PDB file of all heavy atoms in Angstrom:
ATOM      1  N   ARG A   1       0.828  -1.205   0.000  1.00  0.00           N
ATOM      2  CA  ARG A   1       0.000   0.000   0.000  1.00  0.00           C
ATOM      3  C   ARG A   1       0.867   1.262   0.000  1.00  0.00           C
ATOM      4  O   ARG A   1       0.586   2.236  -0.725  1.00  0.00           O
ATOM      5  CB  ARG A   1      -0.914  -0.017   1.234  1.00  0.00           C
ATOM      6  CG  ARG A   1      -1.925   1.124   1.262  1.00  0.00           C
ATOM      7  CD  ARG A   1      -2.988   0.907   2.328  1.00  0.00           C
ATOM      8  NE  ARG A   1      -2.433   0.827   3.668  1.00  0.00           N
ATOM      9  CZ  ARG A   1      -2.326  -0.284   4.357  1.00  0.00           C
ATOM     10  NH1 ARG A   1      -2.759  -1.438   3.846  1.00  0.00           N
ATOM     11  NH2 ARG A   1      -1.791  -0.286   5.579  1.00  0.00           N
ATOM     12  N   MET A   2       1.962   1.226   0.783  1.00  0.00           N
ATOM     13  CA  MET A   2       2.858   2.389   0.825  1.00  0.00           C
ATOM     14  C   MET A   2       3.510   2.622  -0.535  1.00  0.00           C
ATOM     15  O   MET A   2       3.625   3.765  -1.014  1.00  0.00           O
ATOM     16  CB  MET A   2       3.931   2.163   1.890  1.00  0.00           C
ATOM     17  CG  MET A   2       3.406   2.193   3.315  1.00  0.00           C
ATOM     18  SD  MET A   2       4.666   1.727   4.542  1.00  0.00           S
ATOM     19  CE  MET A   2       5.852   3.043   4.299  1.00  0.00           C
ATOM     20  N   LEU A   3       3.939   1.496  -1.212  1.00  0.00           N
ATOM     21  CA  LEU A   3       4.572   1.627  -2.522  1.00  0.00           C
ATOM     22  C   LEU A   3       3.596   2.180  -3.552  1.00  0.00           C
ATOM     23  O   LEU A   3       3.952   3.045  -4.372  1.00  0.00           O
ATOM     24  CB  LEU A   3       5.098   0.257  -2.974  1.00  0.00           C
ATOM     25  CG  LEU A   3       5.780   0.214  -4.344  1.00  0.00           C
ATOM     26  CD1 LEU A   3       6.989   1.155  -4.368  1.00  0.00           C
ATOM     27  CD2 LEU A   3       6.210  -1.208  -4.689  1.00  0.00           C
ATOM     28  N   ALA A   4       2.348   1.677  -3.503  1.00  0.00           N
ATOM     29  CA  ALA A   4       1.341   2.171  -4.450  1.00  0.00           C
ATOM     30  C   ALA A   4       1.071   3.661  -4.238  1.00  0.00           C
ATOM     31  O   ALA A   4       0.911   4.429  -5.214  1.00  0.00           O
ATOM     32  CB  ALA A   4       0.043   1.367  -4.278  1.00  0.00           C
ATOM     33  N   GLU A   5       1.051   4.079  -2.961  1.00  0.00           N
ATOM     34  CA  GLU A   5       0.814   5.493  -2.663  1.00  0.00           C
ATOM     35  C   GLU A   5       1.943   6.370  -3.188  1.00  0.00           C
ATOM     36  O   GLU A   5       1.715   7.447  -3.752  1.00  0.00           O
ATOM     37  CB  GLU A   5       0.654   5.670  -1.157  1.00  0.00           C
ATOM     38  CG  GLU A   5      -0.642   5.103  -0.612  1.00  0.00           C
ATOM     39  CD  GLU A   5      -0.715   5.194   0.897  1.00  0.00           C
ATOM     40  OE1 GLU A   5       0.290   5.631   1.498  1.00  0.00           O
ATOM     41  OE2 GLU A   5      -1.766   4.824   1.485  1.00  0.00           O
ATOM     42  N   GLU A   6       3.187   5.873  -3.012  1.00  0.00           N
ATOM     43  CA  GLU A   6       4.337   6.644  -3.483  1.00  0.00           C
ATOM     44  C   GLU A   6       4.349   6.738  -5.009  1.00  0.00           C
ATOM     45  O   GLU A   6       4.681   7.793  -5.585  1.00  0.00           O
ATOM     46  CB  GLU A   6       5.641   6.027  -2.975  1.00  0.00           C
ATOM     47  CG  GLU A   6       5.835   6.160  -1.476  1.00  0.00           C
ATOM     48  CD  GLU A   6       5.854   7.609  -1.026  1.00  0.00           C
ATOM     49  OE1 GLU A   6       6.360   8.459  -1.791  1.00  0.00           O
ATOM     50  OE2 GLU A   6       5.351   7.895   0.065  1.00  0.00           O
ATOM     51  N   ASN A   7       4.009   5.637  -5.709  1.00  0.00           N
ATOM     52  CA  ASN A   7       3.945   5.675  -7.182  1.00  0.00           C
ATOM     53  C   ASN A   7       2.869   6.640  -7.657  1.00  0.00           C
ATOM     54  O   ASN A   7       3.065   7.393  -8.630  1.00  0.00           O
ATOM     55  CB  ASN A   7       3.656   4.265  -7.717  1.00  0.00           C
ATOM     56  CG  ASN A   7       4.850   3.345  -7.585  1.00  0.00           C
ATOM     57  OD1 ASN A   7       5.997   3.821  -7.497  1.00  0.00           O
ATOM     58  ND2 ASN A   7       4.609   2.044  -7.546  1.00  0.00           N
ATOM     59  N   ALA A   8       1.748   6.614  -6.973  1.00  0.00           N
ATOM     60  CA  ALA A   8       0.664   7.532  -7.347  1.00  0.00           C
ATOM     61  C   ALA A   8       1.093   8.977  -7.136  1.00  0.00           C
ATOM     62  O   ALA A   8       0.788   9.858  -7.961  1.00  0.00           O
ATOM     63  CB  ALA A   8      -0.584   7.208  -6.520  1.00  0.00           C
ATOM     64  N   MET A   9       1.795   9.203  -6.004  1.00  0.00           N
ATOM     65  CA  MET A   9       2.265  10.569  -5.736  1.00  0.00           C
ATOM     66  C   MET A   9       3.254  11.025  -6.800  1.00  0.00           C
ATOM     67  O   MET A   9       3.228  12.181  -7.243  1.00  0.00           O
ATOM     68  CB  MET A   9       2.929  10.594  -4.352  1.00  0.00           C
ATOM     69  CG  MET A   9       3.361  11.989  -3.891  1.00  0.00           C
ATOM     70  SD  MET A   9       1.954  13.115  -3.706  1.00  0.00           S
ATOM     71  CE  MET A   9       1.201  12.409  -2.236  1.00  0.00           C
ATOM     72  N   ALA A  10       4.120  10.105  -7.279  1.00  0.00           N
ATOM     73  CA  ALA A  10       5.086  10.460  -8.319  1.00  0.00           C
ATOM     74  C   ALA A  10       4.362  10.824  -9.615  1.00  0.00           C
ATOM     75  O   ALA A  10       4.749  11.775 -10.317  1.00  0.00           O
ATOM     76  CB  ALA A  10       6.045   9.298  -8.551  1.00  0.00           C
ATOM     77  N   GLN A  11       3.327  10.041  -9.938  1.00  0.00           N
ATOM     78  CA  GLN A  11       2.562  10.340 -11.144  1.00  0.00           C
ATOM     79  C   GLN A  11       1.872  11.701 -11.046  1.00  0.00           C
ATOM     80  O   GLN A  11       1.848  12.475 -12.012  1.00  0.00           O
ATOM     81  CB  GLN A  11       1.519   9.240 -11.389  1.00  0.00           C
ATOM     82  CG  GLN A  11       2.130   7.907 -11.780  1.00  0.00           C
ATOM     83  CD  GLN A  11       1.074   6.827 -11.952  1.00  0.00           C
ATOM     84  OE1 GLN A  11      -0.116   7.097 -11.808  1.00  0.00           O
ATOM     85  NE2 GLN A  11       1.538   5.610 -12.238  1.00  0.00           N
ATOM     86  N   LEU A  12       1.322  11.957  -9.871  1.00  0.00           N
ATOM     87  CA  LEU A  12       0.656  13.254  -9.673  1.00  0.00           C
ATOM     88  C   LEU A  12       1.638  14.399  -9.801  1.00  0.00           C
ATOM     89  O   LEU A  12       1.342  15.431 -10.414  1.00  0.00           O
ATOM     90  CB  LEU A  12      -0.021  13.274  -8.300  1.00  0.00           C
ATOM     91  CG  LEU A  12      -1.242  12.364  -8.141  1.00  0.00           C
ATOM     92  CD1 LEU A  12      -1.713  12.387  -6.693  1.00  0.00           C
ATOM     93  CD2 LEU A  12      -2.372  12.823  -9.065  1.00  0.00           C
ATOM     94  N   ASN A  13       2.829  14.216  -9.219  1.00  0.00           N
ATOM     95  CA  ASN A  13       3.846  15.271  -9.316  1.00  0.00           C
ATOM     96  C   ASN A  13       4.266  15.503 -10.753  1.00  0.00           C
ATOM     97  O   ASN A  13       4.506  16.623 -11.180  1.00  0.00           O
ATOM     98  CB  ASN A  13       5.060  14.903  -8.460  1.00  0.00           C
ATOM     99  CG  ASN A  13       4.751  14.972  -6.978  1.00  0.00           C
ATOM    100  OD1 ASN A  13       3.818  15.671  -6.576  1.00  0.00           O
ATOM    101  ND2 ASN A  13       5.517  14.247  -6.155  1.00  0.00           N
ATOM    102  N   SER A  14       4.366  14.428 -11.549  1.00  0.00           N
ATOM    103  CA  SER A  14       4.789  14.544 -12.951  1.00  0.00           C
ATOM    104  C   SER A  14       3.730  15.251 -13.787  1.00  0.00           C
ATOM    105  O   SER A  14       4.032  16.101 -14.611  1.00  0.00           O
ATOM    106  CB  SER A  14       5.066  13.145 -13.513  1.00  0.00           C
ATOM    107  OG  SER A  14       5.367  13.210 -14.885  1.00  0.00           O
ATOM    108  N   SER A  15       2.496  14.957 -13.580  1.00  0.00           N
ATOM    109  CA  SER A  15       1.421  15.534 -14.393  1.00  0.00           C
ATOM    110  C   SER A  15       1.125  16.980 -14.021  1.00  0.00           C
ATOM    111  O   SER A  15       0.518  17.723 -14.802  1.00  0.00           O
ATOM    112  CB  SER A  15       0.144  14.707 -14.242  1.00  0.00           C
ATOM    113  OG  SER A  15      -0.283  14.712 -12.884  1.00  0.00           O
ATOM    114  N   SER A  16       1.601  17.429 -12.884  1.00  0.00           N
ATOM    115  CA  SER A  16       1.322  18.807 -12.453  1.00  0.00           C
ATOM    116  C   SER A  16       2.403  19.793 -12.899  1.00  0.00           C
ATOM    117  O   SER A  16       2.392  20.944 -12.492  1.00  0.00           O
ATOM    118  CB  SER A  16       1.202  18.823 -10.918  1.00  0.00           C
ATOM    119  OG  SER A  16       2.438  18.464 -10.325  1.00  0.00           O
ATOM    120  N   ALA A  17       3.336  19.371 -13.778  1.00  0.00           N
ATOM    121  CA  ALA A  17       4.397  20.275 -14.244  1.00  0.00           C
ATOM    122  C   ALA A  17       3.806  21.391 -15.123  1.00  0.00           C
ATOM    123  O   ALA A  17       2.829  21.182 -15.834  1.00  0.00           O
ATOM    124  CB  ALA A  17       5.445  19.499 -15.023  1.00  0.00           C
ATOM    125  N   ASP A  18       4.384  22.612 -15.137  1.00  0.00           N
ATOM    126  CA  ASP A  18       3.904  23.777 -15.893  1.00  0.00           C
ATOM    127  C   ASP A  18       4.115  23.562 -17.392  1.00  0.00           C
ATOM    128  O   ASP A  18       5.243  23.351 -17.837  1.00  0.00           O
ATOM    129  CB  ASP A  18       4.671  25.018 -15.437  1.00  0.00           C
ATOM    130  CG  ASP A  18       4.034  26.299 -15.981  1.00  0.00           C
ATOM    131  OD1 ASP A  18       3.184  26.185 -16.890  1.00  0.00           O
ATOM    132  OD2 ASP A  18       4.397  27.366 -15.484  1.00  0.00           O
ATOM    133  N   PRO A  19       3.057  23.604 -18.262  1.00  0.00           N
ATOM    134  CA  PRO A  19       3.194  23.387 -19.731  1.00  0.00           C
ATOM    135  C   PRO A  19       4.123  24.410 -20.382  1.00  0.00           C
ATOM    136  O   PRO A  19       4.825  24.110 -21.340  1.00  0.00           O
ATOM    137  CB  PRO A  19       1.759  23.524 -20.237  1.00  0.00           C
ATOM    138  CG  PRO A  19       0.897  23.222 -19.045  1.00  0.00           C
ATOM    139  CD  PRO A  19       1.639  23.757 -17.874  1.00  0.00           C
ATOM    140  N   ALA A  20       4.142  25.605 -19.831  1.00  0.00           N
ATOM    141  CA  ALA A  20       4.996  26.653 -20.413  1.00  0.00           C
ATOM    142  C   ALA A  20       6.458  26.288 -20.292  1.00  0.00           C
ATOM    143  O   ALA A  20       7.264  26.570 -21.195  1.00  0.00           O
ATOM    144  CB  ALA A  20       4.724  27.988 -19.720  1.00  0.00           C
ATOM    145  N   ASP A  21       6.813  25.680 -19.212  1.00  0.00           N
ATOM    146  CA  ASP A  21       8.206  25.280 -19.026  1.00  0.00           C
ATOM    147  C   ASP A  21       8.603  24.247 -20.073  1.00  0.00           C
ATOM    148  O   ASP A  21       9.730  24.281 -20.601  1.00  0.00           O
ATOM    149  CB  ASP A  21       8.394  24.692 -17.623  1.00  0.00           C
ATOM    150  CG  ASP A  21       8.234  25.772 -16.540  1.00  0.00           C
ATOM    151  OD1 ASP A  21       8.400  26.961 -16.871  1.00  0.00           O
ATOM    152  OD2 ASP A  21       7.966  25.395 -15.372  1.00  0.00           O
ATOM    153  N   ALA A  22       7.692  23.326 -20.373  1.00  0.00           N
ATOM    154  CA  ALA A  22       7.990  22.303 -21.371  1.00  0.00           C
ATOM    155  C   ALA A  22       8.175  22.922 -22.751  1.00  0.00           C
ATOM    156  O   ALA A  22       9.090  22.555 -23.498  1.00  0.00           O
ATOM    157  CB  ALA A  22       6.860  21.263 -21.406  1.00  0.00           C
ATOM    158  N   LEU A  23       7.318  23.903 -23.109  1.00  0.00           N
ATOM    159  CA  LEU A  23       7.444  24.554 -24.418  1.00  0.00           C
ATOM    160  C   LEU A  23       8.723  25.372 -24.508  1.00  0.00           C
ATOM    161  O   LEU A  23       9.389  25.404 -25.549  1.00  0.00           O
ATOM    162  CB  LEU A  23       6.222  25.456 -24.663  1.00  0.00           C
ATOM    163  CG  LEU A  23       4.900  24.710 -24.929  1.00  0.00           C
ATOM    164  CD1 LEU A  23       3.749  25.708 -25.021  1.00  0.00           C
ATOM    165  CD2 LEU A  23       4.999  23.922 -26.229  1.00  0.00           C
ATOM    166  N   ALA A  24       9.062  26.064 -23.423  1.00  0.00           N
ATOM    167  CA  ALA A  24      10.285  26.861 -23.414  1.00  0.00           C
ATOM    168  C   ALA A  24      11.496  25.972 -23.633  1.00  0.00           C
ATOM    169  O   ALA A  24      12.437  26.348 -24.358  1.00  0.00           O
ATOM    170  CB  ALA A  24      10.412  27.613 -22.086  1.00  0.00           C
ATOM    171  N   GLU A  25      11.450  24.819 -23.055  1.00  0.00           N
ATOM    172  CA  GLU A  25      12.572  23.893 -23.238  1.00  0.00           C
ATOM    173  C   GLU A  25      12.656  23.455 -24.689  1.00  0.00           C
ATOM    174  O   GLU A  25      13.749  23.341 -25.254  1.00  0.00           O
ATOM    175  CB  GLU A  25      12.364  22.689 -22.327  1.00  0.00           C
ATOM    176  CG  GLU A  25      13.522  21.687 -22.393  1.00  0.00           C
ATOM    177  CD  GLU A  25      13.324  20.535 -21.450  1.00  0.00           C
ATOM    178  OE1 GLU A  25      12.394  20.569 -20.628  1.00  0.00           O
ATOM    179  OE2 GLU A  25      14.143  19.592 -21.512  1.00  0.00           O
TER     180      GLU A  25
END
């Protein structure tokens, strides 16, 4: 359960990145 929670948190952190930063790159 702890591992699943951490994986979910990683996915959430990845999807919340600013789109403008990606385009600038």
